[in-house]
Each structure stands twice: as structure tokens, then as C-alpha cells.
């Protein structure tokens, strides 16, 4: 019988400890979750005005040092970088977009960088290029003028100024 009573005492102790912890939690939970109350008739505290700011930083020594460094290096103006000029060949402006696309495919089959841009009134302008050297664009224009019996126009390529027609 001693063995049976010894097994009950730890269970009772565990049960009593668990009940004590639950009671303690029930008592402390409201205290932990409540906000502190302000005393009646007491005004909330107003923050104090900001302290005086630090005195302004004296930049004059740094300016003199910068000027001395500029004089030591030399006051050469920065190099101006120009946008590279590119050239394109316009072969024609077509109201019949299907005809322009047919010619476009023929030019691409020959390895030429041909593309279409949308012109005024919905016309499709067929162009080849761009080329970095004008002489190269003029040589392509001369070669295509003879092959296609057209009067091509060599013009400056301005990327982003015209809408390229996307092919489906």
C-alpha cells in the first residue's frame, strides 16, 4: 500500500502547483494588461522646448582647401561627351503596311537590319540601319537603290523619337 500512496502524493503536489499557478495568472493578468491611469485633475506633461541648436559649422576652411586643390589640379573644363551620331537609310513610306512588311522580310533575309516606324497618317516607313558612319549608310543606300529601284534617303538616326512598328 505504501507504493500506491507514494504515487498519489506527487500527483497531488503537481495538481496543487498547477492550480496555484493558474490562480496566480488569473490575478496578475488584469494588472499586466491595464494601462496606467492618470491622476484626476492632473494635466499631461508638456515637452520642454528644444535646446538651442549647435552653432553653424564654419565651412570657410574647407572652401579654401577645395579652391587650393582645384588650382593645384588645374581649372580645365570637363570634357563634353557628345551623343554618338548614327545614320539610317529610309527606303520609302508605304500606305500599304503589308507591302512594307513583305519588303522588310526580304531585306532581313539578306542580313540587313531593317525595321518599320509609324509615320504620319498611319504610313509605314521602311528603314535600314542604324550605321555609325555616314559613308557606310550611303553605301547601303546606293546598293539598295540599284536593287530595289528606289530613291533612298540617308538621315540621322534619332532613337526614341519615333515609334517602331512591332511585328506580330
C-alpha atoms as a PDB file:
ATOM      1  CA  UNK A   1       0.000   0.000   0.000  1.00  0.00           C
ATOM      2  CA  UNK A   2       2.903   2.318   0.556  1.00  0.00           C
ATOM      3  CA  UNK A   3       3.760   2.126  -3.119  1.00  0.00           C
ATOM      4  CA  UNK A   4       0.272   3.325  -4.132  1.00  0.00           C
ATOM      5  CA  UNK A   5       0.265   6.291  -1.728  1.00  0.00           C
ATOM      6  CA  UNK A   6       3.694   7.427  -2.813  1.00  0.00           C
ATOM      7  CA  UNK A   7       2.447   7.670  -6.409  1.00  0.00           C
ATOM      8  CA  UNK A   8      -0.518   9.831  -5.346  1.00  0.00           C
ATOM      9  CA  UNK A   9       1.472  12.412  -3.420  1.00  0.00           C
ATOM     10  CA  UNK A  10       3.455  13.616  -6.428  1.00  0.00           C
ATOM     11  CA  UNK A  11       0.280  13.797  -8.475  1.00  0.00           C
ATOM     12  CA  UNK A  12      -1.459  15.792  -5.763  1.00  0.00           C
ATOM     13  CA  UNK A  13       1.536  18.086  -5.438  1.00  0.00           C
ATOM     14  CA  UNK A  14       1.623  18.614  -9.195  1.00  0.00           C
ATOM     15  CA  UNK A  15      -2.111  19.290  -9.275  1.00  0.00           C
ATOM     16  CA  UNK A  16      -1.860  21.730  -6.356  1.00  0.00           C
ATOM     17  CA  UNK A  17       1.096  23.503  -8.019  1.00  0.00           C
ATOM     18  CA  UNK A  18      -0.791  23.775 -11.323  1.00  0.00           C
ATOM     19  CA  UNK A  19      -3.868  25.214  -9.569  1.00  0.00           C
ATOM     20  CA  UNK A  20      -1.680  27.705  -7.705  1.00  0.00           C
ATOM     21  CA  UNK A  21      -0.065  28.868 -10.973  1.00  0.00           C
ATOM     22  CA  UNK A  22      -3.461  29.220 -12.688  1.00  0.00           C
ATOM     23  CA  UNK A  23      -4.813  31.288  -9.776  1.00  0.00           C
ATOM     24  CA  UNK A  24      -1.721  33.495  -9.841  1.00  0.00           C
ATOM     25  CA  UNK A  25      -2.087  34.011 -13.611  1.00  0.00           C
ATOM     26  CA  UNK A  26      -5.743  34.990 -13.198  1.00  0.00           C
ATOM     27  CA  UNK A  27      -4.804  37.563 -10.577  1.00  0.00           C
ATOM     28  CA  UNK A  28      -1.805  39.063 -12.425  1.00  0.00           C
ATOM     29  CA  UNK A  29      -3.216  39.086 -15.980  1.00  0.00           C
ATOM     30  CA  UNK A  30      -5.521  42.130 -15.468  1.00  0.00           C
ATOM     31  CA  UNK A  31      -2.700  44.024 -13.772  1.00  0.00           C
ATOM     32  CA  UNK A  32      -0.338  43.395 -16.660  1.00  0.00           C
ATOM     33  CA  UNK A  33      -2.820  44.326 -19.381  1.00  0.00           C
ATOM     34  CA  UNK A  34      -4.242  47.528 -17.864  1.00  0.00           C
ATOM     35  CA  UNK A  35      -2.873  50.899 -18.872  1.00  0.00           C
ATOM     36  CA  UNK A  36      -1.705  53.202 -16.116  1.00  0.00           C
ATOM     37  CA  UNK A  37      -4.349  55.697 -15.104  1.00  0.00           C
ATOM     38  CA  UNK A  38      -3.665  59.393 -14.950  1.00  0.00           C
ATOM     39  CA  UNK A  39      -4.434  61.083 -11.689  1.00  0.00           C
ATOM     40  CA  UNK A  40      -7.668  63.109 -11.929  1.00  0.00           C
ATOM     41  CA  UNK A  41      -7.133  66.842 -12.213  1.00  0.00           C
ATOM     42  CA  UNK A  42      -3.559  66.421 -13.347  1.00  0.00           C
ATOM     43  CA  UNK A  43      -2.573  67.849 -16.722  1.00  0.00           C
ATOM     44  CA  UNK A  44      -0.396  65.850 -19.078  1.00  0.00           C
ATOM     45  CA  UNK A  45       3.211  66.921 -19.176  1.00  0.00           C
ATOM     46  CA  UNK A  46       4.189  69.268 -21.980  1.00  0.00           C
ATOM     47  CA  UNK A  47       7.546  68.505 -23.575  1.00  0.00           C
ATOM     48  CA  UNK A  48      10.203  71.058 -22.868  1.00  0.00           C
ATOM     49  CA  UNK A  49      11.206  73.378 -25.713  1.00  0.00           C
ATOM     50  CA  UNK A  50      14.146  72.200 -27.806  1.00  0.00           C
ATOM     51  CA  UNK A  51      17.558  73.279 -26.700  1.00  0.00           C
ATOM     52  CA  UNK A  52      19.454  75.818 -28.737  1.00  0.00           C
ATOM     53  CA  UNK A  53      20.940  74.270 -31.860  1.00  0.00           C
ATOM     54  CA  UNK A  54      24.646  73.848 -32.275  1.00  0.00           C
ATOM     55  CA  UNK A  55      26.355  76.881 -33.728  1.00  0.00           C
ATOM     56  CA  UNK A  56      26.591  76.837 -37.546  1.00  0.00           C
ATOM     57  CA  UNK A  57      29.506  74.928 -38.945  1.00  0.00           C
ATOM     58  CA  UNK A  58      32.342  77.046 -40.282  1.00  0.00           C
ATOM     59  CA  UNK A  59      32.830  75.883 -43.873  1.00  0.00           C
ATOM     60  CA  UNK A  60      35.340  78.538 -44.856  1.00  0.00           C
ATOM     61  CA  UNK A  61      38.474  76.432 -44.156  1.00  0.00           C
ATOM     62  CA  UNK A  62      37.077  73.627 -46.308  1.00  0.00           C
ATOM     63  CA  UNK A  63      36.230  76.052 -49.112  1.00  0.00           C
ATOM     64  CA  UNK A  64      39.788  77.395 -49.090  1.00  0.00           C
ATOM     65  CA  UNK A  65      41.156  73.852 -49.152  1.00  0.00           C
ATOM     66  CA  UNK A  66      38.881  72.954 -52.060  1.00  0.00           C
ATOM     67  CA  UNK A  67      39.935  76.043 -54.019  1.00  0.00           C
ATOM     68  CA  UNK A  68      43.606  75.235 -53.400  1.00  0.00           C
ATOM     69  CA  UNK A  69      43.063  71.676 -54.637  1.00  0.00           C
ATOM     70  CA  UNK A  70      41.301  72.962 -57.760  1.00  0.00           C
ATOM     71  CA  UNK A  71      44.180  75.330 -58.504  1.00  0.00           C
ATOM     72  CA  UNK A  72      46.718  72.540 -57.988  1.00  0.00           C
ATOM     73  CA  UNK A  73      44.893  70.266 -60.443  1.00  0.00           C
ATOM     74  CA  UNK A  74      44.165  72.996 -62.937  1.00  0.00           C
ATOM     75  CA  UNK A  75      40.861  74.570 -63.858  1.00  0.00           C
ATOM     76  CA  UNK A  76      40.264  72.749 -67.122  1.00  0.00           C
ATOM     77  CA  UNK A  77      36.641  72.446 -68.130  1.00  0.00           C
ATOM     78  CA  UNK A  78      35.182  68.971 -68.023  1.00  0.00           C
ATOM     79  CA  UNK A  79      35.148  67.108 -71.292  1.00  0.00           C
ATOM     80  CA  UNK A  80      31.858  67.350 -73.064  1.00  0.00           C
ATOM     81  CA  UNK A  81      30.622  63.988 -74.217  1.00  0.00           C
ATOM     82  CA  UNK A  82      28.561  64.091 -77.340  1.00  0.00           C
ATOM     83  CA  UNK A  83      25.910  61.582 -78.156  1.00  0.00           C
ATOM     84  CA  UNK A  84      27.259  59.444 -80.971  1.00  0.00           C
ATOM     85  CA  UNK A  85      25.722  60.223 -84.311  1.00  0.00           C
ATOM     86  CA  UNK A  86      24.150  57.324 -86.121  1.00  0.00           C
ATOM     87  CA  UNK A  87      22.731  57.177 -89.627  1.00  0.00           C
ATOM     88  CA  UNK A  88      19.820  55.294 -91.117  1.00  0.00           C
ATOM     89  CA  UNK A  89      18.553  54.743 -94.650  1.00  0.00           C
ATOM     90  CA  UNK A  90      14.881  55.324 -95.348  1.00  0.00           C
ATOM     91  CA  UNK A  91      13.772  53.301 -98.349  1.00  0.00           C
ATOM     92  CA  UNK A  92      10.214  54.563 -98.547  1.00  0.00           C
ATOM     93  CA  UNK A  93       6.931  55.362 -96.871  1.00  0.00           C
ATOM     94  CA  UNK A  94       4.117  52.893 -97.546  1.00  0.00           C
ATOM     95  CA  UNK A  95       0.388  53.274 -97.021  1.00  0.00           C
ATOM     96  CA  UNK A  96       0.071  49.531 -97.645  1.00  0.00           C
ATOM     97  CA  UNK A  97       1.651  48.102 -94.479  1.00  0.00           C
ATOM     98  CA  UNK A  98       1.507  44.546 -95.864  1.00  0.00           C
ATOM     99  CA  UNK A  99       3.705  45.578 -98.794  1.00  0.00           C
ATOM    100  CA  UNK A 100       6.142  47.277 -96.415  1.00  0.00           C
ATOM    101  CA  UNK A 101       6.325  44.142 -94.251  1.00  0.00           C
ATOM    102  CA  UNK A 102       6.962  41.969 -97.310  1.00  0.00           C
ATOM    103  CA  UNK A 103       9.905  44.147 -98.334  1.00  0.00           C
ATOM    104  CA  UNK A 104      11.073  44.227 -94.708  1.00  0.00           C
ATOM    105  CA  UNK A 105      11.243  40.424 -94.610  1.00  0.00           C
ATOM    106  CA  UNK A 106      13.178  40.343 -97.905  1.00  0.00           C
ATOM    107  CA  UNK A 107      15.730  42.816 -96.522  1.00  0.00           C
ATOM    108  CA  UNK A 108      16.114  40.903 -93.275  1.00  0.00           C
ATOM    109  CA  UNK A 109      16.614  37.679 -95.228  1.00  0.00           C
ATOM    110  CA  UNK A 110      19.622  39.405 -96.848  1.00  0.00           C
ATOM    111  CA  UNK A 111      21.012  40.158 -93.353  1.00  0.00           C
ATOM    112  CA  UNK A 112      20.167  43.850 -93.326  1.00  0.00           C
ATOM    113  CA  UNK A 113      18.993  45.494 -90.081  1.00  0.00           C
ATOM    114  CA  UNK A 114      15.644  46.652 -91.452  1.00  0.00           C
ATOM    115  CA  UNK A 115      12.776  47.990 -89.371  1.00  0.00           C
ATOM    116  CA  UNK A 116       9.478  49.862 -89.717  1.00  0.00           C
ATOM    117  CA  UNK A 117       8.427  53.054 -87.980  1.00  0.00           C
ATOM    118  CA  UNK A 118       4.998  54.603 -87.948  1.00  0.00           C
ATOM    119  CA  UNK A 119       4.807  57.781 -89.976  1.00  0.00           C
ATOM    120  CA  UNK A 120       2.140  60.432 -90.284  1.00  0.00           C
ATOM    121  CA  UNK A 121      -1.306  59.277 -91.319  1.00  0.00           C
ATOM    122  CA  UNK A 122      -0.541  55.663 -90.418  1.00  0.00           C
ATOM    123  CA  UNK A 123       2.077  55.211 -93.127  1.00  0.00           C
ATOM    124  CA  UNK A 124       4.817  52.648 -92.515  1.00  0.00           C
ATOM    125  CA  UNK A 125       8.328  53.969 -93.108  1.00  0.00           C
ATOM    126  CA  UNK A 126      10.821  51.282 -94.037  1.00  0.00           C
ATOM    127  CA  UNK A 127      14.337  51.933 -92.780  1.00  0.00           C
ATOM    128  CA  UNK A 128      17.665  50.120 -92.674  1.00  0.00           C
ATOM    129  CA  UNK A 129      20.290  50.786 -90.037  1.00  0.00           C
ATOM    130  CA  UNK A 130      21.481  52.408 -87.893  1.00  0.00           C
ATOM    131  CA  UNK A 131      25.075  52.789 -89.012  1.00  0.00           C
ATOM    132  CA  UNK A 132      27.749  54.665 -87.078  1.00  0.00           C
ATOM    133  CA  UNK A 133      29.436  56.077 -90.189  1.00  0.00           C
ATOM    134  CA  UNK A 134      27.530  58.100 -92.760  1.00  0.00           C
ATOM    135  CA  UNK A 135      29.680  56.648 -95.541  1.00  0.00           C
ATOM    136  CA  UNK A 136      28.518  53.155 -94.610  1.00  0.00           C
ATOM    137  CA  UNK A 137      24.854  54.256 -94.671  1.00  0.00           C
ATOM    138  CA  UNK A 138      25.379  55.935 -98.076  1.00  0.00           C
ATOM    139  CA  UNK A 139      26.988  52.771 -99.479  1.00  0.00           C
ATOM    140  CA  UNK A 140      23.980  50.696 -98.352  1.00  0.00           C
ATOM    141  CA  UNK A 141      21.618  53.314 -99.825  1.00  0.00           C
ATOM    142  CA  UNK A 142      23.458  53.244-103.156  1.00  0.00           C
ATOM    143  CA  UNK A 143      23.415  49.422-103.286  1.00  0.00           C
ATOM    144  CA  UNK A 144      19.686  49.202-102.421  1.00  0.00           C
ATOM    145  CA  UNK A 145      18.752  51.978-104.874  1.00  0.00           C
ATOM    146  CA  UNK A 146      20.019  49.834-107.722  1.00  0.00           C
ATOM    147  CA  UNK A 147      18.497  46.571-106.456  1.00  0.00           C
ATOM    148  CA  UNK A 148      15.064  47.840-105.435  1.00  0.00           C
ATOM    149  CA  UNK A 149      14.659  50.742-107.890  1.00  0.00           C
ATOM    150  CA  UNK A 150      14.008  53.225-105.051  1.00  0.00           C
ATOM    151  CA  UNK A 151      15.377  56.636-104.163  1.00  0.00           C
ATOM    152  CA  UNK A 152      16.632  56.116-100.569  1.00  0.00           C
ATOM    153  CA  UNK A 153      17.176  58.918 -98.086  1.00  0.00           C
ATOM    154  CA  UNK A 154      20.169  58.855 -95.709  1.00  0.00           C
ATOM    155  CA  UNK A 155      19.159  60.539 -92.480  1.00  0.00           C
ATOM    156  CA  UNK A 156      20.285  60.927 -88.919  1.00  0.00           C
ATOM    157  CA  UNK A 157      19.050  58.158 -86.625  1.00  0.00           C
ATOM    158  CA  UNK A 158      17.318  59.556 -83.548  1.00  0.00           C
ATOM    159  CA  UNK A 159      16.491  56.676 -81.188  1.00  0.00           C
ATOM    160  CA  UNK A 160      13.363  57.079 -79.122  1.00  0.00           C
ATOM    161  CA  UNK A 161      11.825  59.808 -81.289  1.00  0.00           C
ATOM    162  CA  UNK A 162       9.656  57.543 -83.433  1.00  0.00           C
ATOM    163  CA  UNK A 163       7.590  54.526 -82.599  1.00  0.00           C
ATOM    164  CA  UNK A 164       8.824  51.320 -84.149  1.00  0.00           C
ATOM    165  CA  UNK A 165       6.063  49.127 -85.541  1.00  0.00           C
ATOM    166  CA  UNK A 166       6.064  45.813 -83.731  1.00  0.00           C
ATOM    167  CA  UNK A 167       5.703  42.744 -85.901  1.00  0.00           C
ATOM    168  CA  UNK A 168       3.333  40.005 -84.842  1.00  0.00           C
END
